[in-house]
């Protein structure tokens, strides 16, 4: 399996994702945002960070980068695309995923581990989570408050396109376990074809016990499979 990680000015999780991919024997290339085309790839990752310093709004400028045209082409041809944190914001800016990510409800940057419930394992990103539905992953964002109109939200829920929801350690989904105010506690969503995943938590940061956990490993194992 081959992957490409897109690197933007301000990306700070690109190397973390590369380490995770390589740990699970996925052959990876780093692709600078100003390149015109992707190398042959099964998976494209838009990593976390603060692309272009979050000027205008998070992901807005990165969504117009030169490489994005080929990322969109890759996605529309059925290739896998994973957007993590700022990558999720970029996917929304490009229109590959619906909705918007607003400032966190308390208007403060959040950096901590949270519990997340895996809602949908019927996709190539999460198939290995079938035996572990409540996981712990880090978040680190200022604009992770997912919002969409009623029609969009209903479509996501009805078509089982919500992949992750914030929860407590027992899997209860409620306001108390919602760190940023996201509607319906949404932490990650798919496109209708289920080849594009955008998520705010960082699976690449928990891939080894030495990093205090391995719940993120399961996603990369799913992708490899």
Protein backbone atom coordinates (compact mmCIF):
# COMPACT_ATOMS: atom_id res chain seq x y z
CA UNK A 1 0.00 0.00 0.00
CA UNK A 2 1.25 3.49 -0.86
CA UNK A 3 0.40 6.78 0.83
CA UNK A 4 1.12 10.48 0.41
CA UNK A 5 1.17 12.99 3.24
CA UNK A 6 0.60 16.57 2.09
CA UNK A 7 2.85 19.12 3.80
CA UNK A 8 1.65 22.72 4.10
CA UNK A 9 3.46 25.71 5.59
CA UNK A 10 2.47 25.35 9.26
CA UNK A 11 1.82 21.59 9.26
CA UNK A 12 3.09 20.13 12.55
CA UNK A 13 1.73 16.58 12.54
CA UNK A 14 2.99 15.53 9.11
CA UNK A 15 6.01 13.64 10.49
CA UNK A 16 3.88 11.99 13.18
CA UNK A 17 1.55 10.62 10.50
CA UNK A 18 4.53 9.48 8.41
CA UNK A 19 5.95 7.56 11.39
CA UNK A 20 2.56 5.90 11.98
CA UNK A 21 2.17 4.90 8.33
CA UNK A 22 5.69 3.53 8.11
CA UNK A 23 5.29 1.60 11.37
CA UNK A 24 2.48 -0.36 9.73
CA UNK A 25 4.47 -0.95 6.53
CA UNK A 26 2.61 1.58 4.39
CA UNK A 27 5.08 3.04 1.90
CA UNK A 28 4.84 6.80 2.28
CA UNK A 29 5.96 9.93 0.46
CA UNK A 30 5.86 13.50 1.74
CA UNK A 31 4.35 15.87 -0.83
CA UNK A 32 4.90 19.64 -0.67
CA UNK A 33 1.70 21.68 -1.10
CA UNK A 34 3.02 23.46 -4.19
CA UNK A 35 3.49 20.28 -6.21
CA UNK A 36 1.14 19.92 -9.17
CA UNK A 37 0.44 16.20 -8.88
CA UNK A 38 0.44 13.31 -6.44
CA UNK A 39 2.67 10.27 -6.74
CA UNK A 40 0.81 6.99 -7.21
CA UNK A 41 -1.11 6.63 -3.94
CA UNK A 42 -3.79 4.47 -2.39
CA UNK A 43 -4.17 6.89 0.53
CA UNK A 44 -3.70 10.66 0.84
CA UNK A 45 -3.38 12.20 4.30
CA UNK A 46 -3.98 15.86 5.11
CA UNK A 47 -2.25 16.20 8.49
CA UNK A 48 -2.89 18.36 11.52
CA UNK A 49 -1.22 21.67 12.26
CA UNK A 50 -1.86 25.29 11.47
CA UNK A 51 -1.59 25.53 7.70
CA UNK A 52 -0.75 29.07 6.65
CA UNK A 53 -1.02 30.09 10.32
CA UNK A 54 -4.82 29.66 10.21
CA UNK A 55 -5.09 33.05 8.50
CA UNK A 56 -8.60 33.93 7.28
CA UNK A 57 -9.84 30.75 9.02
CA UNK A 58 -8.44 27.30 9.65
CA UNK A 59 -7.80 25.44 6.39
CA UNK A 60 -9.06 28.23 4.13
CA UNK A 61 -5.80 29.00 2.31
CA UNK A 62 -4.60 25.39 2.28
CA UNK A 63 -7.86 24.46 0.55
CA UNK A 64 -6.66 26.55 -2.43
CA UNK A 65 -3.15 25.08 -2.59
CA UNK A 66 -1.84 23.81 -5.90
CA UNK A 67 -1.81 20.13 -4.87
CA UNK A 68 -5.45 20.20 -3.76
CA UNK A 69 -6.74 19.83 -7.33
CA UNK A 70 -5.04 16.45 -7.56
CA UNK A 71 -6.24 15.49 -4.06
CA UNK A 72 -9.82 16.19 -5.18
CA UNK A 73 -9.25 14.17 -8.35
CA UNK A 74 -7.83 11.29 -6.29
CA UNK A 75 -10.87 11.39 -3.98
CA UNK A 76 -13.40 11.52 -6.81
CA UNK A 77 -11.70 8.52 -8.41
CA UNK A 78 -12.34 6.53 -5.23
CA UNK A 79 -8.93 6.92 -3.59
CA UNK A 80 -8.79 7.04 0.19
CA UNK A 81 -8.36 10.44 1.86
CA UNK A 82 -7.82 10.98 5.58
CA UNK A 83 -7.97 14.49 7.05
CA UNK A 84 -6.89 14.83 10.68
CA UNK A 85 -7.68 18.01 12.67
CA UNK A 86 -6.48 20.79 10.32
CA UNK A 87 -6.81 18.21 7.56
CA UNK A 88 -10.51 17.85 8.45
CA UNK A 89 -10.84 21.63 8.25
CA UNK A 90 -9.20 21.58 4.81
CA UNK A 91 -11.54 18.84 3.57
CA UNK A 92 -14.50 20.99 4.56
CA UNK A 93 -12.99 24.06 2.87
CA UNK A 94 -12.59 22.10 -0.37
CA UNK A 95 -16.20 20.87 -0.24
CA UNK A 96 -15.15 17.21 -0.04
CA UNK A 97 -17.01 17.00 3.28
CA UNK A 98 -20.08 19.00 4.39
CA UNK A 99 -20.55 21.37 7.30
CA UNK A 100 -18.21 23.78 9.01
CA UNK A 101 -15.85 23.77 11.99
CA UNK A 102 -16.42 26.71 14.34
CA UNK A 103 -14.47 28.02 17.33
CA UNK A 104 -14.67 25.76 20.36
CA UNK A 105 -17.64 26.56 22.60
CA UNK A 106 -15.44 28.02 25.35
CA UNK A 107 -13.38 29.98 22.77
CA UNK A 108 -10.19 28.34 24.07
CA UNK A 109 -7.64 26.06 22.47
CA UNK A 110 -8.06 22.46 23.68
CA UNK A 111 -5.20 20.01 24.07
CA UNK A 112 -6.02 16.83 25.98
CA UNK A 113 -7.04 13.21 25.63
CA UNK A 114 -10.73 12.50 25.12
CA UNK A 115 -12.89 9.41 24.84
CA UNK A 116 -14.44 8.74 21.46
CA UNK A 117 -17.11 6.23 20.47
CA UNK A 118 -16.69 4.46 17.13
CA UNK A 119 -20.12 4.67 15.52
CA UNK A 120 -19.41 3.15 12.12
CA UNK A 121 -16.91 0.35 11.44
CA UNK A 122 -18.25 -0.39 7.96
CA UNK A 123 -15.47 1.47 6.18
CA UNK A 124 -11.80 0.99 5.34
CA UNK A 125 -10.61 3.34 8.07
CA UNK A 126 -12.29 1.68 11.05
CA UNK A 127 -12.97 -1.97 10.28
CA UNK A 128 -10.60 -3.15 13.01
CA UNK A 129 -12.48 -1.20 15.68
CA UNK A 130 -15.33 -3.75 15.69
CA UNK A 131 -14.11 -5.22 18.97
CA UNK A 132 -13.28 -1.89 20.61
CA UNK A 133 -15.98 0.75 20.29
CA UNK A 134 -14.77 3.22 22.96
CA UNK A 135 -11.26 4.57 22.42
CA UNK A 136 -9.07 7.32 23.81
CA UNK A 137 -7.34 9.80 21.48
CA UNK A 138 -5.75 13.25 21.85
CA UNK A 139 -7.34 16.43 20.54
CA UNK A 140 -5.48 19.70 19.91
CA UNK A 141 -7.59 22.36 18.22
CA UNK A 142 -9.16 25.78 18.46
CA UNK A 143 -11.82 25.26 15.78
CA UNK A 144 -13.23 21.78 16.22
CA UNK A 145 -16.87 22.64 16.90
CA UNK A 146 -18.69 20.81 14.10
CA UNK A 147 -21.80 22.57 12.79
CA UNK A 148 -24.18 21.85 9.91
CA UNK A 149 -27.75 22.72 9.01
CA UNK A 150 -30.57 20.37 9.97
CA UNK A 151 -30.79 18.72 6.52
CA UNK A 152 -27.05 17.99 6.39
CA UNK A 153 -26.98 16.70 9.94
CA UNK A 154 -29.97 14.42 9.35
CA UNK A 155 -28.37 13.08 6.17
CA UNK A 156 -25.14 12.27 8.02
CA UNK A 157 -26.99 10.43 10.77
CA UNK A 158 -29.52 8.66 8.55
CA UNK A 159 -26.87 7.39 6.11
CA UNK A 160 -24.49 6.29 8.88
CA UNK A 161 -21.79 8.75 7.83
CA UNK A 162 -20.89 9.82 11.37
CA UNK A 163 -17.86 7.73 12.33
CA UNK A 164 -16.82 9.11 15.71
CA UNK A 165 -18.65 10.85 18.55
CA UNK A 166 -17.22 12.29 21.75
CA UNK A 167 -18.28 10.24 24.77
CA UNK A 168 -17.29 9.41 28.34
CA UNK A 169 -15.18 6.41 29.34
CA UNK A 170 -18.30 4.22 29.44
CA UNK A 171 -19.41 5.22 25.95
CA UNK A 172 -22.18 7.60 27.04
CA UNK A 173 -22.72 10.41 24.53
CA UNK A 174 -23.84 13.59 26.29
CA UNK A 175 -23.11 17.29 26.76
CA UNK A 176 -20.66 16.62 29.58
CA UNK A 177 -18.48 14.49 27.31
CA UNK A 178 -18.56 17.03 24.47
CA UNK A 179 -15.30 19.05 24.66
CA UNK A 180 -15.92 21.65 21.96
CA UNK A 181 -19.69 22.00 21.40
CA UNK A 182 -19.93 19.91 18.21
CA UNK A 183 -23.51 19.17 17.17
CA UNK A 184 -24.51 15.62 18.13
CA UNK A 185 -21.02 15.24 19.69
CA UNK A 186 -19.60 14.66 16.19
CA UNK A 187 -15.85 14.04 16.09
CA UNK A 188 -15.50 12.57 12.59
CA UNK A 189 -17.52 12.05 9.40
CA UNK A 190 -17.39 10.25 6.05
CA UNK A 191 -18.47 11.23 2.56
CA UNK A 192 -21.34 9.17 1.03
CA UNK A 193 -18.88 6.88 -0.81
CA UNK A 194 -17.00 6.30 2.47
CA UNK A 195 -13.56 6.86 0.97
CA UNK A 196 -13.01 10.25 2.67
CA UNK A 197 -12.74 10.57 6.46
CA UNK A 198 -12.37 13.83 8.35
CA UNK A 199 -11.76 13.70 12.11
CA UNK A 200 -10.61 16.08 14.85
CA UNK A 201 -8.85 13.59 17.20
CA UNK A 202 -5.30 12.48 16.39
CA UNK A 203 -4.90 8.70 15.88
CA UNK A 204 -1.25 9.14 14.86
CA UNK A 205 -0.37 10.34 18.38
CA UNK A 206 -1.37 7.08 20.08
CA UNK A 207 0.28 4.24 18.19
CA UNK A 208 2.54 2.76 20.87
CA UNK A 209 2.39 2.07 24.63
CA UNK A 210 5.44 4.32 25.05
CA UNK A 211 3.18 7.17 23.89
CA UNK A 212 0.66 6.15 26.60
CA UNK A 213 -1.67 4.17 24.34
CA UNK A 214 -2.29 2.32 21.08
CA UNK A 215 -5.91 3.11 20.20
CA UNK A 216 -4.74 5.04 17.15
CA UNK A 217 -2.87 1.99 15.89
CA UNK A 218 -6.15 0.28 15.11
CA UNK A 219 -6.94 2.80 12.39
CA UNK A 220 -3.62 2.25 10.62
CA UNK A 221 -4.08 -1.52 10.95
CA UNK A 222 -7.51 -1.11 9.32
CA UNK A 223 -6.01 0.87 6.45
CA UNK A 224 -3.25 -1.68 5.94
CA UNK A 225 -5.81 -4.50 5.84
